[in-house]
Structure formats: structure tokens, C-alpha cells
Amino acid sequence: MENPASHSGPVTRPAGPLDHLRAAVQAPLPHHALSRVVFRLTRCRARWVRRPLIHAVVKAYGVDLGEAAEPDPDRYPSFNAFFTRALAPGARPVADGTGEVACPVDGVVSQAGVARGGRVFQAKGRSFTVDELLGGVAERAEPFRGGAFATLYLSPRDYHRIHMPVDGRLVETVHVPGRLFSVDSRTTRAVPRLFARNERVAALFDTAVGPLAVVMVGALLVSAVETVWAGQVTPPRGRRVRRLPPPPAGVELARGEELGRFNMGSTVILLFPPGIVRWRPGLVPEAEVRVGQAIGDLSPDRA
């Protein structure tokens, strides 16, 4: 789990000695073994386990349960149920203007921009390719080279369900195995190609304006990712990239509908093709964002 100060220090500055030390300490850790232990612990229903964990996180991170569908922390059957809690109706109005792109998560902007040369900017001196992010298949990545991207970080205090930025029809779901480094700003500055090295699930959609990729990146102790159509996708066993076909009946989701969730927290990366989306001026590193708010606009001829 990220520490309470994990938002401190923008990822636009170069990594310092402490950043490199933090990354070096994480490198030899048994990432998946530790995550499996936490996976079981967070699903324990014993009151003496779940209650102290929930209250500790609420206090340490300043979690606002007033906006949750269930505001009483003692009524959650497990820590994971608390962490993946639903919001009260109306807590997150969804952008409804024609051509608006809705934010998929609560969190903080890590980076947003254009994947020039097919590379996604991570931090000063750090980047990775769209190809490797999406599992190393050139044809899958081709539509997004030179397109808009946004990397959004979720901390433990945030709402952890993920929603659609625009209307879309699911094309495929890809699970890419990998490490589970922390994804806080310190580690992001220090670890090369971090988001293309960590385990991740990429959901690819067909929309009225072209392809869309929503990439859900796992992190240390927080590797469990699920979608509304496939259930829990990680943590699986195996080291090969897996393509999960959509259900026979298909999946169509409207802007603002839930598409998945993190069982703990991590990072979501949005990818759009070139010339489709222009991010709004406020979508800059360290800016706080909320589910449903307008973060970008479709090109007038695409709206």
C-alpha cells in the first residue's frame, strides 16, 4: 500500500537519491508473494482483523466516507469491501455535454499529453512505448501511436472503481504479467518503463470516435484487478500475455458506467488515437480529478 505522502513531489522532476534508494529496496522483494498475502488478509471477515485495518486507513488517509453508499466503516464485511465501496447516488455527476470525455477515476494526474513517436511520457528522463504497454502486439498498439494519453494515479484514500470515459463496445481484454513495483511519484521517477513492467490489464473498446484503451496497472501489494464482464482477472498464475475474448453477448458500456475496479489502488492509463481528443488545460501533473468530471473534448468533427 502506498504511504500517506505518496502524492508528494511531481514526477516532472528527475529522480533523486532517495527515489533511487526506494526503487532499489523494492526490486528484490517477492512482489507477487507479498501481494497474495495481502490479498487474503484484505478478504478476512474476522472483526478483529477488518475493523482495525479499515479505521487505520480512514484515519491515515483522511477517507471521506460521507460520500459512500455505506458511511459506517464497521458495516463493511471485509477490508476489501470497504476499499471497493460504492458511492452514494449523485456523488459523482457524469459530464453530459456533447463531445466531453469523462474522467474514469478519482485520483491525481501523473501525466497527460501526446504519445509522440509512440512513446508515453512517464517522468523526466523516463518513457515507454505504447506497444509494450499493450502486450507487445504492434497491430494492437498502432492506432494509439501519436495519440492522446492520460496517466491517473489512485491513492488509498480514493474511490477505487473505474468508469467509462466515453460510450464504447468491448473488443478485447488483455492481461500482461509483470512486476509489481509501487506506482507512487517517487518510484515512478526512478524505475525505467515502470508502467510497461508492472502487471496490467488492458481493456480495448470500439467507440463512435475510434479505438479506446483503458489500461489498469497493478502495484506492490495491490495487484488484484477485476472487470464487470470477466470478474477478477488478476492475480492469475502464469507468465504469458493472455487475451480474454469478450462475452458471447458482447459488452457495451455508456459514458460513466463502471467497467472495473482495483481491489486496492494503483494507476489507470487512457489511450486515444491521434486527432481525437484534446485534454483540458487543467489536466496537468498533480491535479486532483474525480470520476465523471470533463477532462477532455473530442474534436468537433468527431463529437
C-alpha atoms as a PDB file:
ATOM      1  CA  MET A   1       0.000   0.000   0.000  1.00  0.00           C
ATOM      2  CA  GLU A   2       1.258   3.487  -0.829  1.00  0.00           C
ATOM      3  CA  ASN A   3       2.204   5.719   2.076  1.00  0.00           C
ATOM      4  CA  PRO A   4       0.142   8.786   3.050  1.00  0.00           C
ATOM      5  CA  ALA A   5       2.632  11.162   1.421  1.00  0.00           C
ATOM      6  CA  SER A   6       2.710   9.310  -1.876  1.00  0.00           C
ATOM      7  CA  HIS A   7       1.409  12.329  -3.807  1.00  0.00           C
ATOM      8  CA  SER A   8       4.365  14.470  -2.761  1.00  0.00           C
ATOM      9  CA  GLY A   9       6.883  15.569  -5.359  1.00  0.00           C
ATOM     10  CA  PRO A  10       5.858  15.891  -9.004  1.00  0.00           C
ATOM     11  CA  VAL A  11       7.029  13.267 -11.467  1.00  0.00           C
ATOM     12  CA  THR A  12       8.202  16.002 -13.832  1.00  0.00           C
ATOM     13  CA  ARG A  13      11.447  16.462 -11.924  1.00  0.00           C
ATOM     14  CA  PRO A  14      14.309  13.939 -12.180  1.00  0.00           C
ATOM     15  CA  ALA A  15      14.720  11.146  -9.649  1.00  0.00           C
ATOM     16  CA  GLY A  16      16.860  11.941  -6.621  1.00  0.00           C
ATOM     17  CA  PRO A  17      18.994   9.656  -4.424  1.00  0.00           C
ATOM     18  CA  LEU A  18      16.090   8.783  -2.127  1.00  0.00           C
ATOM     19  CA  ASP A  19      13.916   7.903  -5.123  1.00  0.00           C
ATOM     20  CA  HIS A  20      16.570   5.512  -6.415  1.00  0.00           C
ATOM     21  CA  LEU A  21      17.013   4.026  -2.933  1.00  0.00           C
ATOM     22  CA  ARG A  22      13.266   3.424  -2.657  1.00  0.00           C
ATOM     23  CA  ALA A  23      13.256   1.628  -6.016  1.00  0.00           C
ATOM     24  CA  ALA A  24      16.348  -0.403  -5.139  1.00  0.00           C
ATOM     25  CA  VAL A  25      14.725  -1.658  -1.932  1.00  0.00           C
ATOM     26  CA  GLN A  26      11.650  -2.802  -3.859  1.00  0.00           C
ATOM     27  CA  ALA A  27      13.480  -4.565  -6.697  1.00  0.00           C
ATOM     28  CA  PRO A  28      14.478  -7.794  -4.862  1.00  0.00           C
ATOM     29  CA  LEU A  29      11.178  -8.166  -2.996  1.00  0.00           C
ATOM     30  CA  PRO A  30       8.903 -11.120  -3.861  1.00  0.00           C
ATOM     31  CA  HIS A  31       6.233  -8.808  -5.284  1.00  0.00           C
ATOM     32  CA  HIS A  32       3.606 -11.416  -6.085  1.00  0.00           C
ATOM     33  CA  ALA A  33       4.080 -13.452  -2.909  1.00  0.00           C
ATOM     34  CA  LEU A  34       3.620 -10.348  -0.767  1.00  0.00           C
ATOM     35  CA  SER A  35       0.574  -9.347  -2.804  1.00  0.00           C
ATOM     36  CA  ARG A  36      -1.006 -12.788  -2.322  1.00  0.00           C
ATOM     37  CA  VAL A  37      -0.634 -12.445   1.464  1.00  0.00           C
ATOM     38  CA  VAL A  38      -2.304  -9.019   1.385  1.00  0.00           C
ATOM     39  CA  PHE A  39      -4.974 -10.370  -0.969  1.00  0.00           C
ATOM     40  CA  ARG A  40      -6.017 -12.939   1.646  1.00  0.00           C
ATOM     41  CA  LEU A  41      -5.722 -10.525   4.562  1.00  0.00           C
ATOM     42  CA  THR A  42      -7.968  -7.919   2.957  1.00  0.00           C
ATOM     43  CA  ARG A  43     -10.702 -10.516   2.447  1.00  0.00           C
ATOM     44  CA  CYS A  44     -10.659 -11.741   6.045  1.00  0.00           C
ATOM     45  CA  ARG A  45     -14.083 -11.236   7.651  1.00  0.00           C
ATOM     46  CA  ALA A  46     -12.931 -11.530  11.252  1.00  0.00           C
ATOM     47  CA  ARG A  47     -13.890  -8.342  13.067  1.00  0.00           C
ATOM     48  CA  TRP A  48     -10.563  -8.138  14.916  1.00  0.00           C
ATOM     49  CA  VAL A  49      -8.788  -8.065  11.522  1.00  0.00           C
ATOM     50  CA  ARG A  50     -11.017  -5.925   9.320  1.00  0.00           C
ATOM     51  CA  ARG A  51     -12.056  -3.260  11.844  1.00  0.00           C
ATOM     52  CA  PRO A  52      -8.542  -2.050  12.848  1.00  0.00           C
ATOM     53  CA  LEU A  53      -7.426  -2.066   9.190  1.00  0.00           C
ATOM     54  CA  ILE A  54     -10.391  -0.033   7.990  1.00  0.00           C
ATOM     55  CA  HIS A  55     -10.189   2.519  10.799  1.00  0.00           C
ATOM     56  CA  ALA A  56      -6.421   2.891  10.368  1.00  0.00           C
ATOM     57  CA  VAL A  57      -6.763   3.686   6.652  1.00  0.00           C
ATOM     58  CA  VAL A  58      -9.677   6.077   7.214  1.00  0.00           C
ATOM     59  CA  LYS A  59      -7.606   7.997   9.765  1.00  0.00           C
ATOM     60  CA  ALA A  60      -4.225   7.877   7.973  1.00  0.00           C
ATOM     61  CA  TYR A  61      -5.526   8.936   4.567  1.00  0.00           C
ATOM     62  CA  GLY A  62      -8.497  11.096   5.501  1.00  0.00           C
ATOM     63  CA  VAL A  63     -11.019   8.906   3.670  1.00  0.00           C
ATOM     64  CA  ASP A  64     -14.344  10.708   3.216  1.00  0.00           C
ATOM     65  CA  LEU A  65     -16.996   8.088   3.985  1.00  0.00           C
ATOM     66  CA  GLY A  66     -19.690  10.752   3.892  1.00  0.00           C
ATOM     67  CA  GLU A  67     -19.913  10.290   0.121  1.00  0.00           C
ATOM     68  CA  ALA A  68     -20.037   6.475   0.298  1.00  0.00           C
ATOM     69  CA  ALA A  69     -23.229   4.463  -0.150  1.00  0.00           C
ATOM     70  CA  GLU A  70     -22.387   2.904   3.244  1.00  0.00           C
ATOM     71  CA  PRO A  71     -20.884   5.598   5.520  1.00  0.00           C
ATOM     72  CA  ASP A  72     -20.429   3.336   8.573  1.00  0.00           C
ATOM     73  CA  PRO A  73     -16.933   1.743   8.440  1.00  0.00           C
ATOM     74  CA  ASP A  74     -17.991  -1.054  10.799  1.00  0.00           C
ATOM     75  CA  ARG A  75     -20.654  -2.338   8.421  1.00  0.00           C
ATOM     76  CA  TYR A  76     -18.202  -3.490   5.731  1.00  0.00           C
ATOM     77  CA  PRO A  77     -17.726  -7.290   5.854  1.00  0.00           C
ATOM     78  CA  SER A  78     -14.040  -7.100   4.890  1.00  0.00           C
ATOM     79  CA  PHE A  79     -11.312  -4.561   4.258  1.00  0.00           C
ATOM     80  CA  ASN A  80     -11.615  -5.169   0.526  1.00  0.00           C
ATOM     81  CA  ALA A  81     -15.352  -4.463   0.641  1.00  0.00           C
ATOM     82  CA  PHE A  82     -14.524  -1.113   2.244  1.00  0.00           C
ATOM     83  CA  PHE A  83     -11.779  -0.402  -0.284  1.00  0.00           C
ATOM     84  CA  THR A  84     -14.040  -1.093  -3.267  1.00  0.00           C
ATOM     85  CA  ARG A  85     -17.029   0.676  -1.712  1.00  0.00           C
ATOM     86  CA  ALA A  86     -19.760   2.160  -3.876  1.00  0.00           C
ATOM     87  CA  LEU A  87     -20.537   5.871  -3.819  1.00  0.00           C
ATOM     88  CA  ALA A  88     -23.855   7.361  -2.781  1.00  0.00           C
ATOM     89  CA  PRO A  89     -26.178   8.179  -5.706  1.00  0.00           C
ATOM     90  CA  GLY A  90     -25.313  11.563  -7.186  1.00  0.00           C
ATOM     91  CA  ALA A  91     -21.901  11.769  -5.530  1.00  0.00           C
ATOM     92  CA  ARG A  92     -20.145  11.890  -8.924  1.00  0.00           C
ATOM     93  CA  PRO A  93     -22.187  13.632 -11.648  1.00  0.00           C
ATOM     94  CA  VAL A  94     -21.034  12.498 -15.085  1.00  0.00           C
ATOM     95  CA  ALA A  95     -20.125  15.037 -17.773  1.00  0.00           C
ATOM     96  CA  ASP A  96     -23.041  15.079 -20.179  1.00  0.00           C
ATOM     97  CA  GLY A  97     -22.018  17.681 -22.732  1.00  0.00           C
ATOM     98  CA  THR A  98     -21.721  16.551 -26.347  1.00  0.00           C
ATOM     99  CA  GLY A  99     -18.123  15.612 -27.082  1.00  0.00           C
ATOM    100  CA  GLU A 100     -16.898  15.658 -23.465  1.00  0.00           C
ATOM    101  CA  VAL A 101     -14.551  12.960 -22.141  1.00  0.00           C
ATOM    102  CA  ALA A 102     -15.379  11.934 -18.573  1.00  0.00           C
ATOM    103  CA  CYS A 103     -12.691  11.134 -16.022  1.00  0.00           C
ATOM    104  CA  PRO A 104     -12.677   7.367 -15.310  1.00  0.00           C
ATOM    105  CA  VAL A 105     -11.368   7.512 -11.726  1.00  0.00           C
ATOM    106  CA  ASP A 106     -10.841   9.543  -8.591  1.00  0.00           C
ATOM    107  CA  GLY A 107      -7.161  10.342  -8.199  1.00  0.00           C
ATOM    108  CA  VAL A 108      -4.293  12.582  -9.222  1.00  0.00           C
ATOM    109  CA  VAL A 109      -2.890  13.244 -12.681  1.00  0.00           C
ATOM    110  CA  SER A 110       0.549  11.711 -13.108  1.00  0.00           C
ATOM    111  CA  GLN A 111       0.996  12.798 -16.743  1.00  0.00           C
ATOM    112  CA  ALA A 112      -1.158  13.741 -19.727  1.00  0.00           C
ATOM    113  CA  GLY A 113      -0.187  14.580 -23.266  1.00  0.00           C
ATOM    114  CA  VAL A 114       0.548  13.031 -26.652  1.00  0.00           C
ATOM    115  CA  ALA A 115       2.384   9.741 -27.256  1.00  0.00           C
ATOM    116  CA  ARG A 116       4.849  11.236 -29.728  1.00  0.00           C
ATOM    117  CA  GLY A 117       6.797   8.629 -31.637  1.00  0.00           C
ATOM    118  CA  GLY A 118       4.629   6.011 -29.974  1.00  0.00           C
ATOM    119  CA  ARG A 119       6.152   6.754 -26.561  1.00  0.00           C
ATOM    120  CA  VAL A 120       4.243   7.611 -23.379  1.00  0.00           C
ATOM    121  CA  PHE A 121       5.971  10.091 -21.056  1.00  0.00           C
ATOM    122  CA  GLN A 122       6.374   8.711 -17.519  1.00  0.00           C
ATOM    123  CA  ALA A 123       8.684  11.172 -15.729  1.00  0.00           C
ATOM    124  CA  LYS A 124      11.689  13.313 -16.567  1.00  0.00           C
ATOM    125  CA  GLY A 125      14.058  11.011 -18.465  1.00  0.00           C
ATOM    126  CA  ARG A 126      11.557   8.135 -18.393  1.00  0.00           C
ATOM    127  CA  SER A 127       9.141   6.869 -21.051  1.00  0.00           C
ATOM    128  CA  PHE A 128       7.850   3.616 -22.530  1.00  0.00           C
ATOM    129  CA  THR A 129       6.231   2.540 -25.792  1.00  0.00           C
ATOM    130  CA  VAL A 130       2.548   2.026 -26.448  1.00  0.00           C
ATOM    131  CA  ASP A 131       3.476  -1.359 -27.961  1.00  0.00           C
ATOM    132  CA  GLU A 132       4.983  -2.733 -24.757  1.00  0.00           C
ATOM    133  CA  LEU A 133       2.215  -1.240 -22.615  1.00  0.00           C
ATOM    134  CA  LEU A 134      -0.380  -3.186 -24.625  1.00  0.00           C
ATOM    135  CA  GLY A 135       1.446  -6.505 -24.560  1.00  0.00           C
ATOM    136  CA  GLY A 136       3.920  -6.199 -27.431  1.00  0.00           C
ATOM    137  CA  VAL A 137       1.467  -6.591 -30.329  1.00  0.00           C
ATOM    138  CA  ALA A 138       2.193  -3.902 -32.927  1.00  0.00           C
ATOM    139  CA  GLU A 139      -1.230  -4.109 -34.573  1.00  0.00           C
ATOM    140  CA  ARG A 140      -2.940  -3.546 -31.223  1.00  0.00           C
ATOM    141  CA  ALA A 141      -0.811  -0.501 -30.484  1.00  0.00           C
ATOM    142  CA  GLU A 142      -0.784   1.062 -33.963  1.00  0.00           C
ATOM    143  CA  PRO A 143      -4.000   3.139 -33.592  1.00  0.00           C
ATOM    144  CA  PHE A 144      -2.646   4.870 -30.481  1.00  0.00           C
ATOM    145  CA  ARG A 145       0.790   5.961 -31.707  1.00  0.00           C
ATOM    146  CA  GLY A 146       0.860   9.743 -31.653  1.00  0.00           C
ATOM    147  CA  GLY A 147      -2.468   9.874 -29.836  1.00  0.00           C
ATOM    148  CA  ALA A 148      -3.537  11.389 -26.528  1.00  0.00           C
ATOM    149  CA  PHE A 149      -2.723   9.642 -23.246  1.00  0.00           C
ATOM    150  CA  ALA A 150      -3.525  10.360 -19.605  1.00  0.00           C
ATOM    151  CA  THR A 151      -1.983   8.580 -16.610  1.00  0.00           C
ATOM    152  CA  LEU A 152      -4.089   8.819 -13.454  1.00  0.00           C
ATOM    153  CA  TYR A 153      -2.901   7.666 -10.015  1.00  0.00           C
ATOM    154  CA  LEU A 154      -5.232   6.395  -7.284  1.00  0.00           C
ATOM    155  CA  SER A 155      -4.144   6.605  -3.635  1.00  0.00           C
ATOM    156  CA  PRO A 156      -5.636   4.569  -0.746  1.00  0.00           C
ATOM    157  CA  ARG A 157      -7.987   7.436   0.126  1.00  0.00           C
ATOM    158  CA  ASP A 158      -9.659   7.362  -3.274  1.00  0.00           C
ATOM    159  CA  TYR A 159     -12.762   5.671  -4.653  1.00  0.00           C
ATOM    160  CA  HIS A 160     -11.439   2.585  -6.469  1.00  0.00           C
ATOM    161  CA  ARG A 161     -13.963   1.803  -9.159  1.00  0.00           C
ATOM    162  CA  ILE A 162     -13.180   2.614 -12.780  1.00  0.00           C
ATOM    163  CA  HIS A 163     -15.726   4.104 -15.189  1.00  0.00           C
ATOM    164  CA  MET A 164     -16.042   4.653 -18.930  1.00  0.00           C
ATOM    165  CA  PRO A 165     -14.757   7.970 -20.318  1.00  0.00           C
ATOM    166  CA  VAL A 166     -16.965   7.671 -23.444  1.00  0.00           C
ATOM    167  CA  ASP A 167     -19.534   5.208 -24.773  1.00  0.00           C
ATOM    168  CA  GLY A 168     -17.841   2.037 -26.035  1.00  0.00           C
ATOM    169  CA  ARG A 169     -18.166  -1.581 -27.138  1.00  0.00           C
ATOM    170  CA  LEU A 170     -15.608  -4.019 -25.739  1.00  0.00           C
ATOM    171  CA  VAL A 171     -13.268  -5.519 -28.354  1.00  0.00           C
ATOM    172  CA  GLU A 172     -10.819  -7.449 -26.191  1.00  0.00           C
ATOM    173  CA  THR A 173      -9.279  -7.720 -22.740  1.00  0.00           C
ATOM    174  CA  VAL A 174      -5.546  -8.362 -22.433  1.00  0.00           C
ATOM    175  CA  HIS A 175      -3.722  -9.443 -19.288  1.00  0.00           C
ATOM    176  CA  VAL A 176       0.014  -8.682 -19.335  1.00  0.00           C
ATOM    177  CA  PRO A 177       2.006 -10.277 -16.475  1.00  0.00           C
ATOM    178  CA  GLY A 178       4.880  -8.396 -14.874  1.00  0.00           C
ATOM    179  CA  ARG A 179       6.400  -6.997 -11.687  1.00  0.00           C
ATOM    180  CA  LEU A 180       4.514  -5.077  -9.019  1.00  0.00           C
ATOM    181  CA  PHE A 181       6.582  -2.009  -8.167  1.00  0.00           C
ATOM    182  CA  SER A 182       4.885   0.779  -6.248  1.00  0.00           C
ATOM    183  CA  VAL A 183       3.407   3.388  -8.601  1.00  0.00           C
ATOM    184  CA  ASP A 184       3.762   6.422  -6.340  1.00  0.00           C
ATOM    185  CA  SER A 185       5.562   9.502  -7.660  1.00  0.00           C
ATOM    186  CA  ARG A 186       8.917   8.597  -6.076  1.00  0.00           C
ATOM    187  CA  THR A 187       9.072   5.164  -7.695  1.00  0.00           C
ATOM    188  CA  THR A 188       7.685   6.490 -10.980  1.00  0.00           C
ATOM    189  CA  ARG A 189      10.593   8.915 -11.199  1.00  0.00           C
ATOM    190  CA  ALA A 190      13.173   6.198 -10.528  1.00  0.00           C
ATOM    191  CA  VAL A 191      12.088   2.984 -12.267  1.00  0.00           C
ATOM    192  CA  PRO A 192      12.518   2.958 -16.066  1.00  0.00           C
ATOM    193  CA  ARG A 193       9.419   1.884 -18.051  1.00  0.00           C
ATOM    194  CA  LEU A 194       7.541   1.306 -14.802  1.00  0.00           C
ATOM    195  CA  PHE A 195       4.022   1.043 -16.238  1.00  0.00           C
ATOM    196  CA  ALA A 196       5.201  -1.265 -19.018  1.00  0.00           C
ATOM    197  CA  ARG A 197       6.937  -3.529 -16.468  1.00  0.00           C
ATOM    198  CA  ASN A 198       4.171  -3.868 -13.896  1.00  0.00           C
ATOM    199  CA  GLU A 199       1.359  -6.377 -14.293  1.00  0.00           C
ATOM    200  CA  ARG A 200      -1.629  -4.807 -16.040  1.00  0.00           C
ATOM    201  CA  VAL A 201      -4.995  -5.386 -17.685  1.00  0.00           C
ATOM    202  CA  ALA A 202      -5.800  -3.536 -20.904  1.00  0.00           C
ATOM    203  CA  ALA A 203      -9.433  -3.204 -21.971  1.00  0.00           C
ATOM    204  CA  LEU A 204      -9.819  -2.150 -25.595  1.00  0.00           C
ATOM    205  CA  PHE A 205     -13.045  -0.639 -26.881  1.00  0.00           C
ATOM    206  CA  ASP A 206     -14.527   0.468 -30.163  1.00  0.00           C
ATOM    207  CA  THR A 207     -16.245   3.846 -29.844  1.00  0.00           C
ATOM    208  CA  ALA A 208     -18.035   6.270 -32.142  1.00  0.00           C
ATOM    209  CA  VAL A 209     -14.785   8.235 -32.454  1.00  0.00           C
ATOM    210  CA  GLY A 210     -12.390   5.294 -32.857  1.00  0.00           C
ATOM    211  CA  PRO A 211     -10.482   2.900 -30.589  1.00  0.00           C
ATOM    212  CA  LEU A 212     -10.025   3.461 -26.856  1.00  0.00           C
ATOM    213  CA  ALA A 213      -7.694   1.664 -24.454  1.00  0.00           C
ATOM    214  CA  VAL A 214      -8.165   1.692 -20.689  1.00  0.00           C
ATOM    215  CA  VAL A 215      -5.072   0.179 -19.041  1.00  0.00           C
ATOM    216  CA  MET A 216      -5.326  -0.806 -15.366  1.00  0.00           C
ATOM    217  CA  VAL A 217      -1.837  -1.137 -13.857  1.00  0.00           C
ATOM    218  CA  GLY A 218      -1.184  -3.223 -10.742  1.00  0.00           C
ATOM    219  CA  ALA A 219       1.212  -2.213  -7.970  1.00  0.00           C
ATOM    220  CA  LEU A 220       3.005  -3.564  -4.911  1.00  0.00           C
ATOM    221  CA  LEU A 221       0.517  -5.258  -2.555  1.00  0.00           C
ATOM    222  CA  VAL A 222      -2.392  -4.116  -4.763  1.00  0.00           C
ATOM    223  CA  SER A 223      -2.312  -6.402  -7.792  1.00  0.00           C
ATOM    224  CA  ALA A 224      -5.951  -7.560  -7.889  1.00  0.00           C
ATOM    225  CA  VAL A 225      -7.905  -6.114 -10.825  1.00  0.00           C
ATOM    226  CA  GLU A 226     -11.378  -7.083 -11.969  1.00  0.00           C
ATOM    227  CA  THR A 227     -13.764  -6.061 -14.746  1.00  0.00           C
ATOM    228  CA  VAL A 228     -17.554  -6.099 -14.842  1.00  0.00           C
ATOM    229  CA  TRP A 229     -17.553  -8.653 -17.697  1.00  0.00           C
ATOM    230  CA  ALA A 230     -14.721 -11.043 -16.722  1.00  0.00           C
ATOM    231  CA  GLY A 231     -14.683 -10.773 -12.944  1.00  0.00           C
ATOM    232  CA  GLN A 232     -11.285 -10.988 -11.296  1.00  0.00           C
ATOM    233  CA  VAL A 233      -8.533 -11.020 -13.936  1.00  0.00           C
ATOM    234  CA  THR A 234      -5.506 -10.716 -11.650  1.00  0.00           C
ATOM    235  CA  PRO A 235      -3.756 -12.184  -9.768  1.00  0.00           C
ATOM    236  CA  PRO A 236      -3.533 -15.264 -12.058  1.00  0.00           C
ATOM    237  CA  ARG A 237      -0.738 -17.782 -12.337  1.00  0.00           C
ATOM    238  CA  GLY A 238       1.468 -17.882 -15.436  1.00  0.00           C
ATOM    239  CA  ARG A 239       3.826 -15.552 -17.230  1.00  0.00           C
ATOM    240  CA  ARG A 240       2.322 -15.292 -20.693  1.00  0.00           C
ATOM    241  CA  VAL A 241       0.246 -12.489 -22.135  1.00  0.00           C
ATOM    242  CA  ARG A 242      -3.383 -13.646 -22.200  1.00  0.00           C
ATOM    243  CA  ARG A 243      -6.125 -12.378 -24.467  1.00  0.00           C
ATOM    244  CA  LEU A 244      -9.576 -12.731 -22.930  1.00  0.00           C
ATOM    245  CA  PRO A 245     -12.291 -12.513 -25.602  1.00  0.00           C
ATOM    246  CA  PRO A 246     -15.437 -10.553 -24.752  1.00  0.00           C
ATOM    247  CA  PRO A 247     -18.518 -12.469 -23.605  1.00  0.00           C
ATOM    248  CA  PRO A 248     -20.598 -14.001 -26.434  1.00  0.00           C
ATOM    249  CA  ALA A 249     -23.373 -11.483 -25.845  1.00  0.00           C
ATOM    250  CA  GLY A 250     -20.899  -8.624 -26.105  1.00  0.00           C
ATOM    251  CA  VAL A 251     -20.345  -5.725 -23.726  1.00  0.00           C
ATOM    252  CA  GLU A 252     -21.493  -2.176 -24.394  1.00  0.00           C
ATOM    253  CA  LEU A 253     -20.959   0.470 -21.741  1.00  0.00           C
ATOM    254  CA  ALA A 254     -22.104   4.076 -21.674  1.00  0.00           C
ATOM    255  CA  ARG A 255     -20.007   7.021 -20.548  1.00  0.00           C
ATOM    256  CA  GLY A 256     -19.865   6.958 -16.760  1.00  0.00           C
ATOM    257  CA  GLU A 257     -20.755   3.274 -16.359  1.00  0.00           C
ATOM    258  CA  GLU A 258     -18.492   1.125 -14.188  1.00  0.00           C
ATOM    259  CA  LEU A 259     -16.073  -1.036 -16.169  1.00  0.00           C
ATOM    260  CA  GLY A 260     -13.869  -2.434 -13.402  1.00  0.00           C
ATOM    261  CA  ARG A 261     -12.200  -1.884 -10.068  1.00  0.00           C
ATOM    262  CA  PHE A 262      -8.929  -2.148  -8.207  1.00  0.00           C
ATOM    263  CA  ASN A 263      -9.033  -4.343  -5.115  1.00  0.00           C
ATOM    264  CA  MET A 264      -6.688  -1.806  -3.509  1.00  0.00           C
ATOM    265  CA  GLY A 265      -5.261   1.105  -5.551  1.00  0.00           C
ATOM    266  CA  SER A 266      -2.994   1.791  -8.480  1.00  0.00           C
ATOM    267  CA  THR A 267      -2.961   3.604 -11.847  1.00  0.00           C
ATOM    268  CA  VAL A 268      -5.148   3.887 -14.953  1.00  0.00           C
ATOM    269  CA  ILE A 269      -3.798   4.947 -18.353  1.00  0.00           C
ATOM    270  CA  LEU A 270      -6.139   6.160 -21.106  1.00  0.00           C
ATOM    271  CA  LEU A 271      -5.116   5.976 -24.770  1.00  0.00           C
ATOM    272  CA  PHE A 272      -6.894   7.605 -27.724  1.00  0.00           C
ATOM    273  CA  PRO A 273      -5.862   7.732 -31.420  1.00  0.00           C
ATOM    274  CA  PRO A 274      -4.319  10.913 -32.901  1.00  0.00           C
ATOM    275  CA  GLY A 275      -6.607  13.857 -33.550  1.00  0.00           C
ATOM    276  CA  ILE A 276      -9.480  12.562 -31.433  1.00  0.00           C
ATOM    277  CA  VAL A 277      -9.140  14.181 -28.005  1.00  0.00           C
ATOM    278  CA  ARG A 278      -7.768  17.422 -26.663  1.00  0.00           C
ATOM    279  CA  TRP A 279      -7.163  17.396 -22.917  1.00  0.00           C
ATOM    280  CA  ARG A 280      -8.458  20.340 -20.956  1.00  0.00           C
ATOM    281  CA  PRO A 281      -5.864  22.826 -19.640  1.00  0.00           C
ATOM    282  CA  GLY A 282      -6.350  21.727 -16.019  1.00  0.00           C
ATOM    283  CA  LEU A 283      -5.274  18.139 -16.731  1.00  0.00           C
ATOM    284  CA  VAL A 284      -1.693  18.651 -15.525  1.00  0.00           C
ATOM    285  CA  PRO A 285       0.601  16.685 -13.177  1.00  0.00           C
ATOM    286  CA  GLU A 286      -0.572  16.700  -9.534  1.00  0.00           C
ATOM    287  CA  ALA A 287      -4.072  17.970 -10.407  1.00  0.00           C
ATOM    288  CA  GLU A 288      -6.813  16.162  -8.500  1.00  0.00           C
ATOM    289  CA  VAL A 289      -9.555  14.598 -10.611  1.00  0.00           C
ATOM    290  CA  ARG A 290     -12.881  12.938  -9.876  1.00  0.00           C
ATOM    291  CA  VAL A 291     -14.975  10.344 -11.658  1.00  0.00           C
ATOM    292  CA  GLY A 292     -17.291  11.902 -14.214  1.00  0.00           C
ATOM    293  CA  GLN A 293     -15.708  15.335 -14.489  1.00  0.00           C
ATOM    294  CA  ALA A 294     -14.933  16.560 -18.012  1.00  0.00           C
ATOM    295  CA  ILE A 295     -11.184  16.154 -18.596  1.00  0.00           C
ATOM    296  CA  GLY A 296     -11.086  16.433 -22.387  1.00  0.00           C
ATOM    297  CA  ASP A 297     -13.020  17.281 -25.525  1.00  0.00           C
ATOM    298  CA  LEU A 298     -13.484  15.332 -28.723  1.00  0.00           C
ATOM    299  CA  SER A 299     -12.511  17.054 -31.958  1.00  0.00           C
ATOM    300  CA  PRO A 300     -15.512  18.963 -33.344  1.00  0.00           C
ATOM    301  CA  ASP A 301     -15.776  16.678 -36.374  1.00  0.00           C
ATOM    302  CA  ARG A 302     -15.783  13.638 -34.059  1.00  0.00           C
ATOM    303  CA  ALA A 303     -18.205  14.795 -31.357  1.00  0.00           C
END
